[in-house]
Amino acid sequence: MRSLGMAILALLLCASFMSAGEIYGTITDGTRPVGAGMKIDITASGKVYAAETDKYGSYRIIVKEKGKCTLTVHLKESAVAAELFSYDKSTRYDWILETQGAKALLRRK
């Protein structure tokens, strides 16, 4: 009986992960990766999911909510945001971080 309860619990946990969508991609500064340690947040339905880039400028975040989200890239003294969408399946978003004067912009590749 106890093993049946554990099996049901395992199925419920797997089902919750299966409904979550993965958002991944890279962030470049022109033609080169931004490097490791850049903080990234994705806000969906008021919940914030955080990650950092690796040395290749890559990121990966699991977002449980589906629909419109906001990606925020935290720079040294400011932050840049862009809209994206979360789906049931994995979705790739590659971004280019541009600086125009004193203003930073994030646009999709």
Protein backbone atom coordinates (compact mmCIF):
# COMPACT_ATOMS: atom_id res chain seq x y z
CA MET A 1 0.00 0.00 0.00
CA ARG A 2 2.84 2.35 0.85
CA SER A 3 4.53 1.71 -2.51
CA LEU A 4 1.26 2.54 -4.30
CA GLY A 5 1.18 5.91 -2.55
CA MET A 6 4.79 6.60 -3.54
CA ALA A 7 4.03 5.67 -7.15
CA ILE A 8 1.08 8.06 -7.27
CA LEU A 9 3.21 10.84 -5.76
CA ALA A 10 5.92 10.22 -8.36
CA LEU A 11 3.36 10.40 -11.18
CA LEU A 12 1.98 13.68 -9.86
CA LEU A 13 5.45 15.19 -9.66
CA CYS A 14 6.29 14.05 -13.18
CA ALA A 15 3.03 15.48 -14.49
CA SER A 16 3.83 18.91 -13.03
CA PHE A 17 7.24 18.94 -14.72
CA MET A 18 5.78 17.75 -18.00
CA SER A 19 3.44 20.74 -18.17
CA ALA A 20 6.30 23.19 -17.65
CA GLY A 21 8.00 24.84 -20.60
CA GLU A 22 11.71 25.34 -21.03
CA ILE A 23 12.98 28.66 -22.32
CA TYR A 24 16.59 28.64 -23.46
CA GLY A 25 18.93 30.45 -25.78
CA THR A 26 21.94 32.72 -25.97
CA ILE A 27 22.68 36.39 -25.41
CA THR A 28 25.36 38.05 -27.52
CA ASP A 29 26.89 41.49 -27.45
CA GLY A 30 27.24 42.03 -31.17
CA THR A 31 29.04 38.95 -32.47
CA ARG A 32 30.42 37.55 -29.21
CA PRO A 33 28.73 35.96 -26.17
CA VAL A 34 28.12 38.12 -23.12
CA GLY A 35 30.02 35.65 -20.92
CA ALA A 36 29.32 33.97 -17.63
CA GLY A 37 27.37 35.31 -14.68
CA MET A 38 24.90 37.69 -16.31
CA LYS A 39 21.71 37.52 -14.24
CA ILE A 40 18.46 36.79 -16.08
CA ASP A 41 14.89 36.75 -14.79
CA ILE A 42 11.72 35.58 -16.48
CA THR A 43 8.51 36.90 -14.93
CA ALA A 44 5.33 34.97 -15.69
CA SER A 45 2.00 35.52 -13.91
CA GLY A 46 3.75 37.39 -11.10
CA LYS A 47 6.28 34.60 -10.46
CA VAL A 48 9.98 35.21 -11.09
CA TYR A 49 12.31 32.49 -12.40
CA ALA A 50 16.02 33.32 -12.25
CA ALA A 51 19.16 32.02 -13.94
CA GLU A 52 22.62 33.13 -15.04
CA THR A 53 24.42 32.83 -18.34
CA ASP A 54 27.31 30.41 -18.77
CA LYS A 55 30.64 31.29 -20.43
CA TYR A 56 29.02 30.97 -23.86
CA GLY A 57 26.19 33.40 -23.03
CA SER A 58 23.69 30.51 -22.85
CA TYR A 59 20.79 30.32 -20.42
CA ARG A 60 18.06 27.80 -19.55
CA ILE A 61 14.97 28.44 -17.40
CA ILE A 62 11.96 26.21 -16.69
CA VAL A 63 8.76 28.29 -16.58
CA LYS A 64 5.64 26.56 -15.28
CA GLU A 65 3.17 29.13 -16.58
CA LYS A 66 2.19 29.37 -20.23
CA GLY A 67 1.68 32.59 -22.14
CA LYS A 68 3.24 36.04 -22.21
CA CYS A 69 6.35 36.53 -20.06
CA THR A 70 8.97 39.21 -19.53
CA LEU A 71 12.68 38.48 -19.83
CA THR A 72 14.89 40.85 -17.84
CA VAL A 73 18.65 40.95 -18.34
CA HIS A 74 20.47 42.62 -15.44
CA LEU A 75 23.44 44.71 -16.48
CA LYS A 76 25.92 46.33 -14.10
CA GLU A 77 23.85 49.43 -13.32
CA SER A 78 20.59 48.85 -15.15
CA ALA A 79 18.28 46.22 -16.57
CA VAL A 80 16.85 45.59 -20.04
CA ALA A 81 13.53 43.83 -20.61
CA ALA A 82 11.78 42.14 -23.55
CA GLU A 83 8.57 40.18 -23.99
CA LEU A 84 8.46 36.50 -24.92
CA PHE A 85 6.07 33.57 -24.72
CA SER A 86 6.21 30.33 -22.75
CA TYR A 87 4.74 27.17 -24.27
CA ASP A 88 4.36 23.51 -23.25
CA LYS A 89 7.42 22.62 -25.30
CA SER A 90 10.94 23.99 -25.21
CA THR A 91 11.35 27.32 -26.95
CA ARG A 92 14.59 28.94 -28.04
CA TYR A 93 15.09 32.69 -27.76
CA ASP A 94 18.42 34.13 -28.90
CA TRP A 95 19.01 37.78 -28.06
CA ILE A 96 21.38 40.54 -29.12
CA LEU A 97 22.30 43.11 -26.48
CA GLU A 98 22.94 46.47 -28.15
CA THR A 99 24.04 49.79 -26.76
CA GLN A 100 22.83 52.98 -28.40
CA GLY A 101 24.38 55.92 -26.64
CA ALA A 102 23.75 55.45 -22.93
CA LYS A 103 20.74 53.20 -23.53
CA ALA A 104 20.90 49.41 -23.77
CA LEU A 105 18.46 47.49 -25.98
CA LEU A 106 17.60 43.82 -26.22
CA ARG A 107 16.39 42.51 -29.55
CA ARG A 108 15.67 39.04 -30.83
CA LYS A 109 18.10 37.46 -33.28
